[in-house]
Amino acid sequence: MLTFAVDFGNTNSIEIMITNGTTHNVKVAPELVTKLDLEETEILCADKGYDSEPLREQIRATDTQAKIPRKSNTQSNNNHIDWNLYKIRHLVENAFARLKHFSIMFEERVTKYF
């Protein structure tokens, strides 16, 4: 599984982590946040897969706002989310789509020759 950190300002990936397919996002997120230089980062957006209070606290400790929607099974609401800003997260989804495209091409070639 790939876990990405993307800079919305220039749409470049700034950190990539590869884990096995059974590792949940929230388990690798603390390590990913540690690797990021959040000194000049105002807001960190992530999807519901990263909904964790310890992760939010880790991000807040760097003076960065965590914009992570809460899962539907939590008691809290999502009033803290700027949904217009959150929609920009599609840039990350586009990066995944491109990587999957190359992955599929590679897998097809490997199966043809082996």
PDB file of N, CA and C in Angstrom:
ATOM      1  N   MET A   1       0.840  -1.168   0.000  1.00  0.00           N
ATOM      2  CA  MET A   1       0.000   0.000   0.000  1.00  0.00           C
ATOM      3  C   MET A   1       0.890   1.238   0.000  1.00  0.00           C
ATOM      4  N   LEU A   2       0.486   2.241  -0.748  1.00  0.00           N
ATOM      5  CA  LEU A   2       1.211   3.503  -0.794  1.00  0.00           C
ATOM      6  C   LEU A   2       0.527   4.525   0.085  1.00  0.00           C
ATOM      7  N   THR A   3       1.313   5.264   0.831  1.00  0.00           N
ATOM      8  CA  THR A   3       0.802   6.378   1.616  1.00  0.00           C
ATOM      9  C   THR A   3       1.545   7.613   1.157  1.00  0.00           C
ATOM     10  N   PHE A   4       0.802   8.634   0.786  1.00  0.00           N
ATOM     11  CA  PHE A   4       1.352   9.839   0.181  1.00  0.00           C
ATOM     12  C   PHE A   4       1.218  11.047   1.073  1.00  0.00           C
ATOM     13  N   ALA A   5       2.163  11.962   0.949  1.00  0.00           N
ATOM     14  CA  ALA A   5       2.006  13.335   1.439  1.00  0.00           C
ATOM     15  C   ALA A   5       2.276  14.215   0.230  1.00  0.00           C
ATOM     16  N   VAL A   6       1.329  15.084  -0.098  1.00  0.00           N
ATOM     17  CA  VAL A   6       1.435  15.934  -1.286  1.00  0.00           C
ATOM     18  C   VAL A   6       1.317  17.386  -0.870  1.00  0.00           C
ATOM     19  N   ASP A   7       2.167  18.233  -1.440  1.00  0.00           N
ATOM     20  CA  ASP A   7       2.105  19.676  -1.211  1.00  0.00           C
ATOM     21  C   ASP A   7       1.092  20.262  -2.179  1.00  0.00           C
ATOM     22  N   PHE A   8      -0.020  20.802  -1.665  1.00  0.00           N
ATOM     23  CA  PHE A   8      -1.056  21.369  -2.532  1.00  0.00           C
ATOM     24  C   PHE A   8      -0.544  22.570  -3.316  1.00  0.00           C
ATOM     25  N   GLY A   9       0.452  23.275  -2.781  1.00  0.00           N
ATOM     26  CA  GLY A   9       0.962  24.465  -3.450  1.00  0.00           C
ATOM     27  C   GLY A   9       1.550  24.158  -4.810  1.00  0.00           C
ATOM     28  N   ASN A  10       2.311  23.078  -4.904  1.00  0.00           N
ATOM     29  CA  ASN A  10       2.929  22.741  -6.190  1.00  0.00           C
ATOM     30  C   ASN A  10       2.589  21.335  -6.658  1.00  0.00           C
ATOM     31  N   THR A  11       1.698  20.661  -5.982  1.00  0.00           N
ATOM     32  CA  THR A  11       1.200  19.314  -6.294  1.00  0.00           C
ATOM     33  C   THR A  11       2.305  18.258  -6.400  1.00  0.00           C
ATOM     34  N   ASN A  12       3.429  18.499  -5.775  1.00  0.00           N
ATOM     35  CA  ASN A  12       4.501  17.507  -5.760  1.00  0.00           C
ATOM     36  C   ASN A  12       4.357  16.612  -4.536  1.00  0.00           C
ATOM     37  N   SER A  13       4.670  15.338  -4.711  1.00  0.00           N
ATOM     38  CA  SER A  13       4.671  14.468  -3.542  1.00  0.00           C
ATOM     39  C   SER A  13       5.925  14.791  -2.741  1.00  0.00           C
ATOM     40  N   ILE A  14       5.772  14.879  -1.431  1.00  0.00           N
ATOM     41  CA  ILE A  14       6.909  15.226  -0.593  1.00  0.00           C
ATOM     42  C   ILE A  14       7.337  14.067   0.296  1.00  0.00           C
ATOM     43  N   GLU A  15       6.509  13.056   0.388  1.00  0.00           N
ATOM     44  CA  GLU A  15       6.874  11.857   1.139  1.00  0.00           C
ATOM     45  C   GLU A  15       5.999  10.709   0.668  1.00  0.00           C
ATOM     46  N   ILE A  16       6.607   9.556   0.477  1.00  0.00           N
ATOM     47  CA  ILE A  16       5.885   8.354   0.068  1.00  0.00           C
ATOM     48  C   ILE A  16       6.339   7.219   0.970  1.00  0.00           C
ATOM     49  N   MET A  17       5.390   6.467   1.484  1.00  0.00           N
ATOM     50  CA  MET A  17       5.708   5.283   2.274  1.00  0.00           C
ATOM     51  C   MET A  17       5.022   4.084   1.633  1.00  0.00           C
ATOM     52  N   ILE A  18       5.734   2.985   1.569  1.00  0.00           N
ATOM     53  CA  ILE A  18       5.184   1.753   1.014  1.00  0.00           C
ATOM     54  C   ILE A  18       5.086   0.734   2.149  1.00  0.00           C
ATOM     55  N   THR A  19       3.889   0.186   2.327  1.00  0.00           N
ATOM     56  CA  THR A  19       3.671  -0.832   3.351  1.00  0.00           C
ATOM     57  C   THR A  19       2.925  -1.998   2.707  1.00  0.00           C
ATOM     58  N   ASN A  20       2.763  -3.074   3.470  1.00  0.00           N
ATOM     59  CA  ASN A  20       1.997  -4.187   2.909  1.00  0.00           C
ATOM     60  C   ASN A  20       0.528  -3.790   2.824  1.00  0.00           C
ATOM     61  N   GLY A  21      -0.237  -4.516   2.075  1.00  0.00           N
ATOM     62  CA  GLY A  21      -1.620  -4.149   1.802  1.00  0.00           C
ATOM     63  C   GLY A  21      -2.567  -4.261   2.977  1.00  0.00           C
ATOM     64  N   THR A  22      -2.135  -4.867   4.079  1.00  0.00           N
ATOM     65  CA  THR A  22      -3.032  -5.045   5.216  1.00  0.00           C
ATOM     66  C   THR A  22      -2.831  -4.000   6.309  1.00  0.00           C
ATOM     67  N   THR A  23      -1.862  -3.128   6.158  1.00  0.00           N
ATOM     68  CA  THR A  23      -1.595  -2.106   7.166  1.00  0.00           C
ATOM     69  C   THR A  23      -2.555  -0.940   6.978  1.00  0.00           C
ATOM     70  N   HIS A  24      -3.260  -0.570   8.038  1.00  0.00           N
ATOM     71  CA  HIS A  24      -4.229   0.526   7.962  1.00  0.00           C
ATOM     72  C   HIS A  24      -3.504   1.876   7.932  1.00  0.00           C
ATOM     73  N   ASN A  25      -4.100   2.832   7.245  1.00  0.00           N
ATOM     74  CA  ASN A  25      -3.515   4.171   7.102  1.00  0.00           C
ATOM     75  C   ASN A  25      -3.127   4.793   8.435  1.00  0.00           C
ATOM     76  N   VAL A  26      -3.997   4.691   9.413  1.00  0.00           N
ATOM     77  CA  VAL A  26      -3.769   5.379  10.677  1.00  0.00           C
ATOM     78  C   VAL A  26      -2.568   4.801  11.431  1.00  0.00           C
ATOM     79  N   LYS A  27      -2.157   3.591  11.086  1.00  0.00           N
ATOM     80  CA  LYS A  27      -0.991   2.991  11.744  1.00  0.00           C
ATOM     81  C   LYS A  27       0.327   3.530  11.193  1.00  0.00           C
ATOM     82  N   VAL A  28       0.359   3.915   9.926  1.00  0.00           N
ATOM     83  CA  VAL A  28       1.596   4.454   9.346  1.00  0.00           C
ATOM     84  C   VAL A  28       1.641   5.975   9.406  1.00  0.00           C
ATOM     85  N   ALA A  29       0.516   6.599   9.683  1.00  0.00           N
ATOM     86  CA  ALA A  29       0.441   8.062   9.677  1.00  0.00           C
ATOM     87  C   ALA A  29       1.386   8.732  10.673  1.00  0.00           C
ATOM     88  N   PRO A  30       1.520   8.256  11.921  1.00  0.00           N
ATOM     89  CA  PRO A  30       2.444   8.933  12.836  1.00  0.00           C
ATOM     90  C   PRO A  30       3.880   8.977  12.308  1.00  0.00           C
ATOM     91  N   GLU A  31       4.323   7.889  11.698  1.00  0.00           N
ATOM     92  CA  GLU A  31       5.673   7.872  11.122  1.00  0.00           C
ATOM     93  C   GLU A  31       5.769   8.845   9.950  1.00  0.00           C
ATOM     94  N   LEU A  32       4.732   8.890   9.135  1.00  0.00           N
ATOM     95  CA  LEU A  32       4.711   9.805   7.994  1.00  0.00           C
ATOM     96  C   LEU A  32       4.760  11.257   8.467  1.00  0.00           C
ATOM     97  N   VAL A  33       3.971  11.599   9.475  1.00  0.00           N
ATOM     98  CA  VAL A  33       3.956  12.969  10.003  1.00  0.00           C
ATOM     99  C   VAL A  33       5.319  13.323  10.591  1.00  0.00           C
ATOM    100  N   THR A  34       5.972  12.361  11.232  1.00  0.00           N
ATOM    101  CA  THR A  34       7.303  12.597  11.790  1.00  0.00           C
ATOM    102  C   THR A  34       8.311  12.921  10.692  1.00  0.00           C
ATOM    103  N   LYS A  35       8.192  12.278   9.547  1.00  0.00           N
ATOM    104  CA  LYS A  35       9.123  12.505   8.441  1.00  0.00           C
ATOM    105  C   LYS A  35       8.900  13.845   7.744  1.00  0.00           C
ATOM    106  N   LEU A  36       7.693  14.401   7.875  1.00  0.00           N
ATOM    107  CA  LEU A  36       7.375  15.650   7.184  1.00  0.00           C
ATOM    108  C   LEU A  36       7.923  16.847   7.943  1.00  0.00           C
ATOM    109  N   ASP A  37       8.367  17.847   7.196  1.00  0.00           N
ATOM    110  CA  ASP A  37       8.770  19.116   7.793  1.00  0.00           C
ATOM    111  C   ASP A  37       7.539  20.014   7.789  1.00  0.00           C
ATOM    112  N   LEU A  38       6.831  20.062   8.908  1.00  0.00           N
ATOM    113  CA  LEU A  38       5.584  20.812   8.989  1.00  0.00           C
ATOM    114  C   LEU A  38       5.790  22.221   9.540  1.00  0.00           C
ATOM    115  N   GLU A  39       7.040  22.659   9.588  1.00  0.00           N
ATOM    116  CA  GLU A  39       7.349  23.967  10.162  1.00  0.00           C
ATOM    117  C   GLU A  39       6.603  25.100   9.462  1.00  0.00           C
ATOM    118  N   GLU A  40       6.498  25.031   8.144  1.00  0.00           N
ATOM    119  CA  GLU A  40       5.825  26.088   7.389  1.00  0.00           C
ATOM    120  C   GLU A  40       4.445  25.660   6.893  1.00  0.00           C
ATOM    121  N   THR A  41       3.945  24.543   7.385  1.00  0.00           N
ATOM    122  CA  THR A  41       2.650  24.027   6.948  1.00  0.00           C
ATOM    123  C   THR A  41       1.554  24.551   7.860  1.00  0.00           C
ATOM    124  N   GLU A  42       0.527  25.133   7.269  1.00  0.00           N
ATOM    125  CA  GLU A  42      -0.588  25.658   8.056  1.00  0.00           C
ATOM    126  C   GLU A  42      -1.662  24.606   8.278  1.00  0.00           C
ATOM    127  N   ILE A  43      -1.956  23.824   7.228  1.00  0.00           N
ATOM    128  CA  ILE A  43      -3.068  22.877   7.277  1.00  0.00           C
ATOM    129  C   ILE A  43      -2.628  21.537   6.696  1.00  0.00           C
ATOM    130  N   LEU A  44      -2.994  20.453   7.357  1.00  0.00           N
ATOM    131  CA  LEU A  44      -2.749  19.113   6.841  1.00  0.00           C
ATOM    132  C   LEU A  44      -4.111  18.453   6.636  1.00  0.00           C
ATOM    133  N   CYS A  45      -4.429  18.105   5.394  1.00  0.00           N
ATOM    134  CA  CYS A  45      -5.697  17.439   5.059  1.00  0.00           C
ATOM    135  C   CYS A  45      -5.453  15.944   4.890  1.00  0.00           C
ATOM    136  N   ALA A  46      -6.393  15.161   5.353  1.00  0.00           N
ATOM    137  CA  ALA A  46      -6.326  13.712   5.161  1.00  0.00           C
ATOM    138  C   ALA A  46      -7.753  13.181   5.114  1.00  0.00           C
ATOM    139  N   ASP A  47      -7.912  11.967   4.596  1.00  0.00           N
ATOM    140  CA  ASP A  47      -9.267  11.417   4.525  1.00  0.00           C
ATOM    141  C   ASP A  47      -9.633  10.706   5.827  1.00  0.00           C
ATOM    142  N   LYS A  48     -10.835  10.145   5.861  1.00  0.00           N
ATOM    143  CA  LYS A  48     -11.363   9.531   7.082  1.00  0.00           C
ATOM    144  C   LYS A  48     -10.528   8.355   7.576  1.00  0.00           C
ATOM    145  N   GLY A  49      -9.740   7.782   6.706  1.00  0.00           N
ATOM    146  CA  GLY A  49      -8.887   6.670   7.106  1.00  0.00           C
ATOM    147  C   GLY A  49      -7.845   7.070   8.138  1.00  0.00           C
ATOM    148  N   TYR A  50      -7.620   8.368   8.283  1.00  0.00           N
ATOM    149  CA  TYR A  50      -6.642   8.886   9.238  1.00  0.00           C
ATOM    150  C   TYR A  50      -7.314   9.471  10.474  1.00  0.00           C
ATOM    151  N   ASP A  51      -8.587   9.169  10.692  1.00  0.00           N
ATOM    152  CA  ASP A  51      -9.340   9.696  11.829  1.00  0.00           C
ATOM    153  C   ASP A  51      -8.838   9.061  13.115  1.00  0.00           C
ATOM    154  N   SER A  52      -8.030   9.815  13.854  1.00  0.00           N
ATOM    155  CA  SER A  52      -7.460   9.335  15.107  1.00  0.00           C
ATOM    156  C   SER A  52      -7.095  10.549  15.958  1.00  0.00           C
ATOM    157  N   GLU A  53      -7.538  10.562  17.197  1.00  0.00           N
ATOM    158  CA  GLU A  53      -7.230  11.697  18.077  1.00  0.00           C
ATOM    159  C   GLU A  53      -5.733  11.798  18.373  1.00  0.00           C
ATOM    160  N   PRO A  54      -5.018  10.681  18.609  1.00  0.00           N
ATOM    161  CA  PRO A  54      -3.569  10.804  18.808  1.00  0.00           C
ATOM    162  C   PRO A  54      -2.858  11.421  17.592  1.00  0.00           C
ATOM    163  N   LEU A  55      -3.315  11.091  16.393  1.00  0.00           N
ATOM    164  CA  LEU A  55      -2.715  11.678  15.191  1.00  0.00           C
ATOM    165  C   LEU A  55      -3.007  13.169  15.135  1.00  0.00           C
ATOM    166  N   ARG A  56      -4.236  13.558  15.440  1.00  0.00           N
ATOM    167  CA  ARG A  56      -4.578  14.988  15.461  1.00  0.00           C
ATOM    168  C   ARG A  56      -3.697  15.740  16.459  1.00  0.00           C
ATOM    169  N   GLU A  57      -3.486  15.146  17.629  1.00  0.00           N
ATOM    170  CA  GLU A  57      -2.639  15.780  18.646  1.00  0.00           C
ATOM    171  C   GLU A  57      -1.201  15.905  18.160  1.00  0.00           C
ATOM    172  N   GLN A  58      -0.697  14.882  17.477  1.00  0.00           N
ATOM    173  CA  GLN A  58       0.663  14.928  16.937  1.00  0.00           C
ATOM    174  C   GLN A  58       0.792  16.061  15.923  1.00  0.00           C
ATOM    175  N   ILE A  59      -0.215  16.236  15.088  1.00  0.00           N
ATOM    176  CA  ILE A  59      -0.189  17.293  14.076  1.00  0.00           C
ATOM    177  C   ILE A  59      -0.296  18.659  14.748  1.00  0.00           C
ATOM    178  N   ARG A  60      -1.192  18.797  15.727  1.00  0.00           N
ATOM    179  CA  ARG A  60      -1.343  20.074  16.445  1.00  0.00           C
ATOM    180  C   ARG A  60      -0.062  20.465  17.165  1.00  0.00           C
ATOM    181  N   ALA A  61       0.704  19.487  17.623  1.00  0.00           N
ATOM    182  CA  ALA A  61       1.960  19.768  18.326  1.00  0.00           C
ATOM    183  C   ALA A  61       2.964  20.481  17.424  1.00  0.00           C
ATOM    184  N   THR A  62       2.766  20.404  16.113  1.00  0.00           N
ATOM    185  CA  THR A  62       3.656  21.085  15.165  1.00  0.00           C
ATOM    186  C   THR A  62       3.074  22.431  14.725  1.00  0.00           C
ATOM    187  N   ASP A  63       2.060  22.919  15.443  1.00  0.00           N
ATOM    188  CA  ASP A  63       1.364  24.175  15.104  1.00  0.00           C
ATOM    189  C   ASP A  63       0.733  24.127  13.723  1.00  0.00           C
ATOM    190  N   THR A  64       0.246  22.957  13.344  1.00  0.00           N
ATOM    191  CA  THR A  64      -0.440  22.756  12.069  1.00  0.00           C
ATOM    192  C   THR A  64      -1.879  22.346  12.367  1.00  0.00           C
ATOM    193  N   GLN A  65      -2.816  22.848  11.574  1.00  0.00           N
ATOM    194  CA  GLN A  65      -4.218  22.461  11.738  1.00  0.00           C
ATOM    195  C   GLN A  65      -4.460  21.124  11.042  1.00  0.00           C
ATOM    196  N   ALA A  66      -5.112  20.213  11.723  1.00  0.00           N
ATOM    197  CA  ALA A  66      -5.460  18.918  11.134  1.00  0.00           C
ATOM    198  C   ALA A  66      -6.879  19.001  10.593  1.00  0.00           C
ATOM    199  N   LYS A  67      -7.035  18.854   9.288  1.00  0.00           N
ATOM    200  CA  LYS A  67      -8.354  18.847   8.651  1.00  0.00           C
ATOM    201  C   LYS A  67      -8.647  17.416   8.217  1.00  0.00           C
ATOM    202  N   ILE A  68      -9.075  16.620   9.185  1.00  0.00           N
ATOM    203  CA  ILE A  68      -9.366  15.207   8.956  1.00  0.00           C
ATOM    204  C   ILE A  68     -10.818  14.970   9.357  1.00  0.00           C
ATOM    205  N   PRO A  69     -11.679  14.596   8.411  1.00  0.00           N
ATOM    206  CA  PRO A  69     -13.077  14.346   8.776  1.00  0.00           C
ATOM    207  C   PRO A  69     -13.181  13.171   9.744  1.00  0.00           C
ATOM    208  N   ARG A  70     -14.130  13.267  10.611  1.00  0.00           N
ATOM    209  CA  ARG A  70     -14.362  12.173  11.553  1.00  0.00           C
ATOM    210  C   ARG A  70     -15.243  11.114  10.890  1.00  0.00           C
ATOM    211  N   LYS A  71     -15.022   9.876  11.279  1.00  0.00           N
ATOM    212  CA  LYS A  71     -15.846   8.788  10.752  1.00  0.00           C
ATOM    213  C   LYS A  71     -17.268   8.937  11.272  1.00  0.00           C
ATOM    214  N   SER A  72     -18.193   8.346  10.568  1.00  0.00           N
ATOM    215  CA  SER A  72     -19.606   8.493  10.928  1.00  0.00           C
ATOM    216  C   SER A  72     -19.949   7.836  12.263  1.00  0.00           C
ATOM    217  N   ASN A  73     -19.109   6.921  12.735  1.00  0.00           N
ATOM    218  CA  ASN A  73     -19.418   6.232  13.988  1.00  0.00           C
ATOM    219  C   ASN A  73     -18.839   6.936  15.216  1.00  0.00           C
ATOM    220  N   THR A  74     -18.326   8.165  15.076  1.00  0.00           N
ATOM    221  CA  THR A  74     -17.802   8.903  16.224  1.00  0.00           C
ATOM    222  C   THR A  74     -18.867   9.836  16.780  1.00  0.00           C
ATOM    223  N   GLN A  75     -18.664  10.278  18.005  1.00  0.00           N
ATOM    224  CA  GLN A  75     -19.617  11.167  18.663  1.00  0.00           C
ATOM    225  C   GLN A  75     -19.447  12.619  18.212  1.00  0.00           C
ATOM    226  N   SER A  76     -18.289  12.973  17.686  1.00  0.00           N
ATOM    227  CA  SER A  76     -18.009  14.355  17.288  1.00  0.00           C
ATOM    228  C   SER A  76     -18.561  14.645  15.901  1.00  0.00           C
ATOM    229  N   ASN A  77     -18.654  15.928  15.588  1.00  0.00           N
ATOM    230  CA  ASN A  77     -19.143  16.327  14.266  1.00  0.00           C
ATOM    231  C   ASN A  77     -17.980  16.797  13.387  1.00  0.00           C
ATOM    232  N   ASN A  78     -18.295  17.201  12.179  1.00  0.00           N
ATOM    233  CA  ASN A  78     -17.279  17.653  11.228  1.00  0.00           C
ATOM    234  C   ASN A  78     -17.352  19.157  10.990  1.00  0.00           C
ATOM    235  N   ASN A  79     -17.762  19.914  11.991  1.00  0.00           N
ATOM    236  CA  ASN A  79     -17.854  21.363  11.833  1.00  0.00           C
ATOM    237  C   ASN A  79     -16.494  22.025  11.631  1.00  0.00           C
ATOM    238  N   HIS A  80     -15.419  21.337  11.986  1.00  0.00           N
ATOM    239  CA  HIS A  80     -14.078  21.913  11.861  1.00  0.00           C
ATOM    240  C   HIS A  80     -13.513  21.816  10.439  1.00  0.00           C
ATOM    241  N   ILE A  81     -14.208  21.169   9.542  1.00  0.00           N
ATOM    242  CA  ILE A  81     -13.696  20.937   8.188  1.00  0.00           C
ATOM    243  C   ILE A  81     -14.116  22.069   7.258  1.00  0.00           C
ATOM    244  N   ASP A  82     -13.158  22.589   6.520  1.00  0.00           N
ATOM    245  CA  ASP A  82     -13.439  23.522   5.422  1.00  0.00           C
ATOM    246  C   ASP A  82     -13.598  22.638   4.185  1.00  0.00           C
ATOM    247  N   TRP A  83     -14.838  22.362   3.793  1.00  0.00           N
ATOM    248  CA  TRP A  83     -15.102  21.389   2.730  1.00  0.00           C
ATOM    249  C   TRP A  83     -14.575  21.854   1.381  1.00  0.00           C
ATOM    250  N   ASN A  84     -14.498  23.156   1.142  1.00  0.00           N
ATOM    251  CA  ASN A  84     -13.924  23.643  -0.118  1.00  0.00           C
ATOM    252  C   ASN A  84     -12.436  23.328  -0.182  1.00  0.00           C
ATOM    253  N   LEU A  85     -11.742  23.508   0.923  1.00  0.00           N
ATOM    254  CA  LEU A  85     -10.327  23.159   0.979  1.00  0.00           C
ATOM    255  C   LEU A  85     -10.153  21.649   0.876  1.00  0.00           C
ATOM    256  N   TYR A  86     -11.014  20.907   1.551  1.00  0.00           N
ATOM    257  CA  TYR A  86     -10.909  19.452   1.568  1.00  0.00           C
ATOM    258  C   TYR A  86     -11.073  18.862   0.172  1.00  0.00           C
ATOM    259  N   LYS A  87     -11.878  19.511  -0.664  1.00  0.00           N
ATOM    260  CA  LYS A  87     -12.095  19.015  -2.021  1.00  0.00           C
ATOM    261  C   LYS A  87     -10.811  19.016  -2.841  1.00  0.00           C
ATOM    262  N   ILE A  88      -9.864  19.861  -2.480  1.00  0.00           N
ATOM    263  CA  ILE A  88      -8.588  19.918  -3.201  1.00  0.00           C
ATOM    264  C   ILE A  88      -7.817  18.607  -3.031  1.00  0.00           C
ATOM    265  N   ARG A  89      -8.208  17.815  -2.043  1.00  0.00           N
ATOM    266  CA  ARG A  89      -7.544  16.535  -1.790  1.00  0.00           C
ATOM    267  C   ARG A  89      -7.583  15.615  -3.008  1.00  0.00           C
ATOM    268  N   HIS A  90      -8.432  15.954  -3.985  1.00  0.00           N
ATOM    269  CA  HIS A  90      -8.492  15.126  -5.195  1.00  0.00           C
ATOM    270  C   HIS A  90      -7.136  15.062  -5.891  1.00  0.00           C
ATOM    271  N   LEU A  91      -6.252  16.019  -5.614  1.00  0.00           N
ATOM    272  CA  LEU A  91      -4.905  15.972  -6.192  1.00  0.00           C
ATOM    273  C   LEU A  91      -4.181  14.703  -5.756  1.00  0.00           C
ATOM    274  N   VAL A  92      -4.370  14.327  -4.512  1.00  0.00           N
ATOM    275  CA  VAL A  92      -3.758  13.091  -4.019  1.00  0.00           C
ATOM    276  C   VAL A  92      -4.373  11.890  -4.716  1.00  0.00           C
ATOM    277  N   GLU A  93      -5.692  11.910  -4.855  1.00  0.00           N
ATOM    278  CA  GLU A  93      -6.370  10.806  -5.532  1.00  0.00           C
ATOM    279  C   GLU A  93      -5.902  10.700  -6.982  1.00  0.00           C
ATOM    280  N   ASN A  94      -5.654  11.825  -7.636  1.00  0.00           N
ATOM    281  CA  ASN A  94      -5.133  11.808  -9.006  1.00  0.00           C
ATOM    282  C   ASN A  94      -3.746  11.177  -9.052  1.00  0.00           C
ATOM    283  N   ALA A  95      -2.923  11.469  -8.059  1.00  0.00           N
ATOM    284  CA  ALA A  95      -1.585  10.871  -8.006  1.00  0.00           C
ATOM    285  C   ALA A  95      -1.695   9.357  -7.877  1.00  0.00           C
ATOM    286  N   PHE A  96      -2.612   8.879  -7.034  1.00  0.00           N
ATOM    287  CA  PHE A  96      -2.817   7.437  -6.901  1.00  0.00           C
ATOM    288  C   PHE A  96      -3.280   6.824  -8.216  1.00  0.00           C
ATOM    289  N   ALA A  97      -4.163   7.496  -8.910  1.00  0.00           N
ATOM    290  CA  ALA A  97      -4.666   6.976 -10.183  1.00  0.00           C
ATOM    291  C   ALA A  97      -3.527   6.813 -11.178  1.00  0.00           C
ATOM    292  N   ARG A  98      -2.621   7.782 -11.222  1.00  0.00           N
ATOM    293  CA  ARG A  98      -1.479   7.682 -12.140  1.00  0.00           C
ATOM    294  C   ARG A  98      -0.570   6.518 -11.759  1.00  0.00           C
ATOM    295  N   LEU A  99      -0.312   6.356 -10.475  1.00  0.00           N
ATOM    296  CA  LEU A  99       0.534   5.249 -10.031  1.00  0.00           C
ATOM    297  C   LEU A  99      -0.111   3.902 -10.330  1.00  0.00           C
ATOM    298  N   LYS A 100      -1.412   3.794 -10.124  1.00  0.00           N
ATOM    299  CA  LYS A 100      -2.110   2.542 -10.423  1.00  0.00           C
ATOM    300  C   LYS A 100      -2.045   2.231 -11.910  1.00  0.00           C
ATOM    301  N   HIS A 101      -2.100   3.256 -12.739  1.00  0.00           N
ATOM    302  CA  HIS A 101      -2.003   3.067 -14.185  1.00  0.00           C
ATOM    303  C   HIS A 101      -0.670   2.406 -14.534  1.00  0.00           C
ATOM    304  N   PHE A 102       0.423   2.926 -13.979  1.00  0.00           N
ATOM    305  CA  PHE A 102       1.734   2.345 -14.256  1.00  0.00           C
ATOM    306  C   PHE A 102       1.872   0.966 -13.636  1.00  0.00           C
ATOM    307  N   SER A 103       1.281   0.764 -12.479  1.00  0.00           N
ATOM    308  CA  SER A 103       1.329  -0.533 -11.822  1.00  0.00           C
ATOM    309  C   SER A 103       0.643  -1.593 -12.678  1.00  0.00           C
ATOM    310  N   ILE A 104      -0.514  -1.253 -13.211  1.00  0.00           N
ATOM    311  CA  ILE A 104      -1.254  -2.194 -14.053  1.00  0.00           C
ATOM    312  C   ILE A 104      -0.460  -2.512 -15.312  1.00  0.00           C
ATOM    313  N   MET A 105       0.145  -1.492 -15.922  1.00  0.00           N
ATOM    314  CA  MET A 105       0.950  -1.724 -17.128  1.00  0.00           C
ATOM    315  C   MET A 105       2.101  -2.667 -16.809  1.00  0.00           C
ATOM    316  N   PHE A 106       2.775  -2.458 -15.667  1.00  0.00           N
ATOM    317  CA  PHE A 106       3.898  -3.297 -15.282  1.00  0.00           C
ATOM    318  C   PHE A 106       3.437  -4.729 -15.043  1.00  0.00           C
ATOM    319  N   GLU A 107       2.343  -4.904 -14.310  1.00  0.00           N
ATOM    320  CA  GLU A 107       1.839  -6.242 -14.012  1.00  0.00           C
ATOM    321  C   GLU A 107       1.459  -6.989 -15.279  1.00  0.00           C
ATOM    322  N   GLU A 108       0.862  -6.304 -16.242  1.00  0.00           N
ATOM    323  CA  GLU A 108       0.483  -6.956 -17.494  1.00  0.00           C
ATOM    324  C   GLU A 108       1.712  -7.436 -18.251  1.00  0.00           C
ATOM    325  N   ARG A 109       2.748  -6.641 -18.253  1.00  0.00           N
ATOM    326  CA  ARG A 109       3.974  -7.041 -18.965  1.00  0.00           C
ATOM    327  C   ARG A 109       4.661  -8.203 -18.279  1.00  0.00           C
ATOM    328  N   VAL A 110       4.694  -8.183 -16.965  1.00  0.00           N
ATOM    329  CA  VAL A 110       5.338  -9.266 -16.225  1.00  0.00           C
ATOM    330  C   VAL A 110       4.618 -10.580 -16.488  1.00  0.00           C
ATOM    331  N   THR A 111       3.287 -10.586 -16.469  1.00  0.00           N
ATOM    332  CA  THR A 111       2.549 -11.831 -16.667  1.00  0.00           C
ATOM    333  C   THR A 111       2.695 -12.350 -18.093  1.00  0.00           C
ATOM    334  N   LYS A 112       2.934 -11.492 -19.050  1.00  0.00           N
ATOM    335  CA  LYS A 112       3.116 -11.942 -20.431  1.00  0.00           C
ATOM    336  C   LYS A 112       4.428 -12.685 -20.619  1.00  0.00           C
ATOM    337  N   TYR A 113       5.443 -12.305 -19.857  1.00  0.00           N
ATOM    338  CA  TYR A 113       6.764 -12.871 -20.077  1.00  0.00           C
ATOM    339  C   TYR A 113       7.143 -13.967 -19.091  1.00  0.00           C
ATOM    340  N   PHE A 114       6.307 -14.219 -18.092  1.00  0.00           N
ATOM    341  CA  PHE A 114       6.656 -15.273 -17.132  1.00  0.00           C
ATOM    342  C   PHE A 114       5.639 -16.356 -17.105  1.00  0.00           C
TER     343      PHE A 114
END
